[in-house]
Amino acid sequence: MNISWAKQIFKQINAEFCTFFCFMCTKIEIIMKRIAILASGEGTNAERIIRYFLEKRTAEVALVITNKAQAGVLKRADRLSVPSLILTAQEFADGKALEALHQYNIEIIVLAGFLLKVPDTILHDYPNKIVNIHPALLPKFGGKGMYGVRVHEAVLAAGENESGITIHYINEEYDEGGILFQTACPVQSDDTPETLAARVHQLEYEHFPQIIERILSDADSSLNTFRQ
């Protein structure tokens, strides 16, 4: 066998494979939707969303933005090699966040425990493309200042027999955007805000990434409802 001839054949096959591989990478990059997560706290939901799409490869979390320099979400994003930014409320108001979203070619924004009001400029630039999760069954226990443990305290104080999660688009008013998905869990007679929060968190971890994926797979619809 002619060694020189065999080397030429191998080089040709290798070149064709590399061309095909680059082509497929380009196609994947085109198909993959780009998500930004806005979070102010520890980032447990953010981490689960990032990991979910790392496994699924139907989309990617391309950016994490927080308004808190000490937010735990920064370390989680760093461990998972996701770029992150810290922007103050004033920088959000000045358009720095919108610039970053454009720079990273973001297609959908996910709020995961984000405590700032999203500026109107971002709302107008991303109509029906900003998704939030609320730790109760809206329209109950929503509105300005209703987040985290405050929501669970209010649910218990009202004597509710169930709570749950609401995943919804956001608009100019707190917690009044179109509802995409709701699911409930029981409130136990001996619940504390902490035990109820733990039960609600499990619903968040289970459903939030899946609903985001379903929104992305039906991106041509301005409002989809996936209610359980």
Protein backbone atom coordinates (compact mmCIF):
# COMPACT_ATOMS: atom_id res chain seq x y z
CA MET A 1 0.00 0.00 0.00
CA ASN A 2 1.30 3.44 -0.94
CA ILE A 3 1.86 5.28 2.36
CA SER A 4 1.85 8.70 0.70
CA TRP A 5 -1.49 7.94 -0.98
CA ALA A 6 -2.97 6.73 2.33
CA LYS A 7 -1.88 9.93 4.07
CA GLN A 8 -3.57 12.04 1.40
CA ILE A 9 -6.82 10.08 1.79
CA PHE A 10 -6.65 10.48 5.57
CA LYS A 11 -6.07 14.22 5.27
CA GLN A 12 -9.03 14.56 2.91
CA ILE A 13 -11.32 12.61 5.24
CA ASN A 14 -10.10 14.62 8.22
CA ALA A 15 -10.67 17.92 6.40
CA GLU A 16 -14.20 16.89 5.37
CA PHE A 17 -15.00 15.86 8.95
CA CYS A 18 -13.73 19.19 10.32
CA THR A 19 -15.84 21.07 7.77
CA PHE A 20 -18.91 19.04 8.73
CA PHE A 21 -18.21 19.52 12.46
CA CYS A 22 -17.90 23.31 12.07
CA PHE A 23 -21.08 23.39 10.02
CA MET A 24 -22.99 21.49 12.71
CA CYS A 25 -21.64 23.79 15.43
CA THR A 26 -22.85 26.76 13.43
CA LYS A 27 -26.28 25.18 13.06
CA ILE A 28 -26.48 24.49 16.78
CA GLU A 29 -25.48 28.07 17.54
CA ILE A 30 -28.29 29.31 15.28
CA ILE A 31 -30.86 27.01 16.83
CA MET A 32 -29.91 27.61 20.45
CA LYS A 33 -31.95 30.34 22.11
CA ARG A 34 -30.07 32.73 24.38
CA ILE A 35 -31.39 33.37 27.89
CA ALA A 36 -30.46 36.01 30.44
CA ILE A 37 -31.27 35.42 34.10
CA LEU A 38 -31.81 38.38 36.43
CA ALA A 39 -31.44 37.48 40.11
CA SER A 40 -30.79 39.30 43.37
CA GLY A 41 -30.18 36.48 45.82
CA GLU A 42 -28.67 33.07 46.33
CA GLY A 43 -29.54 31.87 42.83
CA THR A 44 -30.80 28.33 43.47
CA ASN A 45 -33.42 28.66 40.73
CA ALA A 46 -30.86 30.22 38.41
CA GLU A 47 -28.47 27.32 38.92
CA ARG A 48 -31.15 24.75 38.14
CA ILE A 49 -32.13 26.59 34.97
CA ILE A 50 -28.50 26.78 33.86
CA ARG A 51 -27.92 23.09 34.54
CA TYR A 52 -31.19 22.10 32.86
CA PHE A 53 -30.21 23.75 29.58
CA LEU A 54 -26.62 22.50 29.77
CA GLU A 55 -28.10 19.00 29.63
CA LYS A 56 -30.89 19.71 27.16
CA ARG A 57 -28.94 21.91 24.72
CA THR A 58 -32.21 23.42 23.45
CA ALA A 59 -31.14 26.83 24.77
CA GLU A 60 -28.33 28.35 26.78
CA VAL A 61 -28.10 30.75 29.67
CA ALA A 62 -25.74 33.27 28.12
CA LEU A 63 -25.75 35.93 30.85
CA VAL A 64 -26.59 36.46 34.52
CA ILE A 65 -27.26 39.98 35.79
CA THR A 66 -27.63 40.94 39.44
CA ASN A 67 -28.08 44.18 41.33
CA LYS A 68 -26.31 42.84 44.44
CA ALA A 69 -22.51 42.60 44.60
CA GLN A 70 -22.74 39.89 47.29
CA ALA A 71 -25.46 37.83 45.62
CA GLY A 72 -24.82 34.10 45.77
CA VAL A 73 -25.93 33.75 42.16
CA LEU A 74 -22.58 35.22 41.06
CA LYS A 75 -20.62 32.28 42.46
CA ARG A 76 -23.07 29.80 40.97
CA ALA A 77 -22.79 31.42 37.54
CA ASP A 78 -18.98 31.45 37.79
CA ARG A 79 -18.85 27.74 38.68
CA LEU A 80 -20.94 26.98 35.60
CA SER A 81 -18.93 29.32 33.32
CA VAL A 82 -21.80 31.71 32.67
CA PRO A 83 -20.83 35.40 32.25
CA SER A 84 -22.26 37.70 34.90
CA LEU A 85 -22.68 41.42 35.51
CA ILE A 86 -23.35 43.52 38.59
CA LEU A 87 -25.45 46.59 37.80
CA THR A 88 -26.87 49.09 40.26
CA ALA A 89 -30.45 50.34 40.13
CA GLN A 90 -29.17 53.55 38.57
CA GLU A 91 -27.27 51.64 35.91
CA PHE A 92 -30.44 49.73 35.08
CA ALA A 93 -32.29 53.04 34.78
CA ASP A 94 -29.49 54.45 32.59
CA GLY A 95 -29.82 51.62 30.08
CA LYS A 96 -26.70 49.60 30.96
CA ALA A 97 -28.71 46.40 31.36
CA LEU A 98 -30.43 46.83 28.00
CA GLU A 99 -27.05 47.41 26.35
CA ALA A 100 -25.75 44.16 27.86
CA LEU A 101 -28.82 42.23 26.76
CA HIS A 102 -28.27 43.42 23.19
CA GLN A 103 -24.53 42.76 23.38
CA TYR A 104 -25.17 39.13 24.36
CA ASN A 105 -27.97 38.70 21.79
CA ILE A 106 -30.46 37.76 24.48
CA GLU A 107 -33.83 36.47 23.26
CA ILE A 108 -35.66 35.82 26.53
CA ILE A 109 -35.20 37.20 30.04
CA VAL A 110 -35.92 35.12 33.14
CA LEU A 111 -36.42 36.74 36.54
CA ALA A 112 -35.38 34.36 39.31
CA GLY A 113 -35.69 36.23 42.57
CA PHE A 114 -34.94 39.62 41.06
CA LEU A 115 -35.96 42.46 43.37
CA LEU A 116 -35.66 45.52 41.14
CA LYS A 117 -38.51 46.76 38.99
CA VAL A 118 -37.57 46.12 35.37
CA PRO A 119 -37.26 49.44 33.49
CA ASP A 120 -39.87 50.23 30.85
CA THR A 121 -37.15 50.39 28.18
CA ILE A 122 -36.45 46.68 28.68
CA LEU A 123 -40.18 45.85 28.86
CA HIS A 124 -40.79 47.59 25.55
CA ASP A 125 -37.79 45.92 23.91
CA TYR A 126 -38.77 42.43 25.10
CA PRO A 127 -42.59 42.24 24.86
CA ASN A 128 -43.87 38.90 26.17
CA LYS A 129 -40.28 37.74 26.51
CA ILE A 130 -39.66 38.44 30.20
CA VAL A 131 -40.75 35.64 32.51
CA ASN A 132 -41.05 35.73 36.29
CA ILE A 133 -41.85 33.16 38.95
CA HIS A 134 -43.93 34.08 42.01
CA PRO A 135 -44.08 31.87 45.13
CA ALA A 136 -47.89 31.92 45.45
CA LEU A 137 -51.01 31.48 43.37
CA LEU A 138 -51.56 34.87 41.78
CA PRO A 139 -53.55 37.09 41.85
CA LYS A 140 -53.43 36.38 45.59
CA PHE A 141 -50.41 37.58 47.55
CA GLY A 142 -48.80 39.58 44.78
CA GLY A 143 -47.85 43.21 44.29
CA LYS A 144 -45.05 45.52 45.32
CA GLY A 145 -43.04 44.24 48.29
CA MET A 146 -44.48 40.73 48.09
CA TYR A 147 -41.52 38.44 47.65
CA GLY A 148 -39.70 35.67 49.50
CA VAL A 149 -40.71 34.91 53.05
CA ARG A 150 -43.23 37.79 53.07
CA VAL A 151 -45.39 35.86 50.65
CA HIS A 152 -45.35 32.68 52.75
CA GLU A 153 -46.10 34.65 55.91
CA ALA A 154 -49.10 36.24 54.19
CA VAL A 155 -50.39 32.88 52.95
CA LEU A 156 -50.24 31.43 56.47
CA ALA A 157 -51.77 34.53 58.06
CA ALA A 158 -54.70 34.30 55.64
CA GLY A 159 -55.39 30.69 56.63
CA GLU A 160 -55.05 29.37 53.07
CA ASN A 161 -55.23 25.62 52.57
CA GLU A 162 -52.97 25.68 49.51
CA SER A 163 -50.17 27.70 48.00
CA GLY A 164 -47.98 27.11 44.98
CA ILE A 165 -46.19 28.87 42.15
CA THR A 166 -47.20 31.16 39.31
CA ILE A 167 -45.01 31.57 36.23
CA HIS A 168 -46.02 34.65 34.27
CA TYR A 169 -44.93 37.30 31.83
CA ILE A 170 -44.26 40.69 33.38
CA ASN A 171 -45.62 44.09 32.47
CA GLU A 172 -45.51 47.59 33.97
CA GLU A 173 -47.41 46.47 37.10
CA TYR A 174 -46.07 44.14 39.78
CA ASP A 175 -47.27 40.53 39.31
CA GLU A 176 -50.03 41.42 36.84
CA GLY A 177 -48.59 40.01 33.61
CA GLY A 178 -50.24 37.15 31.72
CA ILE A 179 -50.14 33.84 33.59
CA LEU A 180 -48.36 30.99 31.85
CA PHE A 181 -48.46 28.24 34.45
CA GLN A 182 -49.69 27.54 37.97
CA THR A 183 -49.47 24.51 40.20
CA ALA A 184 -50.37 24.10 43.87
CA CYS A 185 -49.15 22.40 47.02
CA PRO A 186 -51.01 21.93 50.31
CA VAL A 187 -50.53 24.17 53.32
CA GLN A 188 -50.14 22.03 56.43
CA SER A 189 -51.63 22.97 59.78
CA ASP A 190 -48.20 23.06 61.41
CA ASP A 191 -46.45 24.92 58.59
CA THR A 192 -44.05 27.76 59.28
CA PRO A 193 -43.00 30.22 56.57
CA GLU A 194 -39.79 28.19 56.22
CA THR A 195 -41.46 24.77 55.80
CA LEU A 196 -43.98 26.18 53.34
CA ALA A 197 -41.16 27.88 51.43
CA ALA A 198 -39.32 24.57 51.12
CA ARG A 199 -42.39 22.93 49.59
CA VAL A 200 -42.89 25.81 47.16
CA HIS A 201 -39.19 25.77 46.20
CA GLN A 202 -39.53 22.16 45.10
CA LEU A 203 -42.29 23.19 42.69
CA GLU A 204 -40.08 25.99 41.37
CA TYR A 205 -37.14 23.69 40.77
CA GLU A 206 -39.30 21.09 39.02
CA HIS A 207 -41.37 23.31 36.76
CA PHE A 208 -39.58 26.59 36.03
CA PRO A 209 -36.94 25.25 33.58
CA GLN A 210 -39.55 23.13 31.78
CA ILE A 211 -41.93 26.04 31.27
CA ILE A 212 -39.10 28.24 29.99
CA GLU A 213 -38.26 25.55 27.45
CA ARG A 214 -41.89 25.30 26.36
CA ILE A 215 -42.08 29.06 25.87
CA LEU A 216 -38.94 28.96 23.73
CA SER A 217 -40.26 26.09 21.63
CA ASP A 218 -43.40 28.11 20.82
CA ALA A 219 -41.76 31.52 20.48
CA ASP A 220 -44.09 32.69 17.69
CA SER A 221 -47.04 32.84 20.08
CA SER A 222 -47.37 36.11 21.97
CA LEU A 223 -49.02 34.48 24.96
CA ASN A 224 -49.08 30.77 25.75
CA THR A 225 -50.79 29.26 28.76
CA PHE A 226 -49.54 26.02 30.32
CA ARG A 227 -51.71 25.60 33.37
CA GLN A 228 -51.76 22.55 35.58
